[in-house]
Amino acid sequence: MIADDEALLLEEVEKRHILRVLEREDGNKSAAARVLGVSRKTLERKLQAWALA
């Protein structure tokens, strides 16, 4: 079983990776979602959860 602090660490790694890809794609969410292998809607939901959308 994963401890809460480990889960938070994983979420932080995910957040940093997504933000790096977004930066590399010059803020283009459709392009970033394509690179990340997720839908644009999924990317939007993650950004909203982090209050970044």
Foldseek 3Di string as FASTA:
>chain_A
DDDPVVVVVVLVVVVVVLVVLCVVVVNPLCNSCVVVVHHSVVVVVSCVVVVND
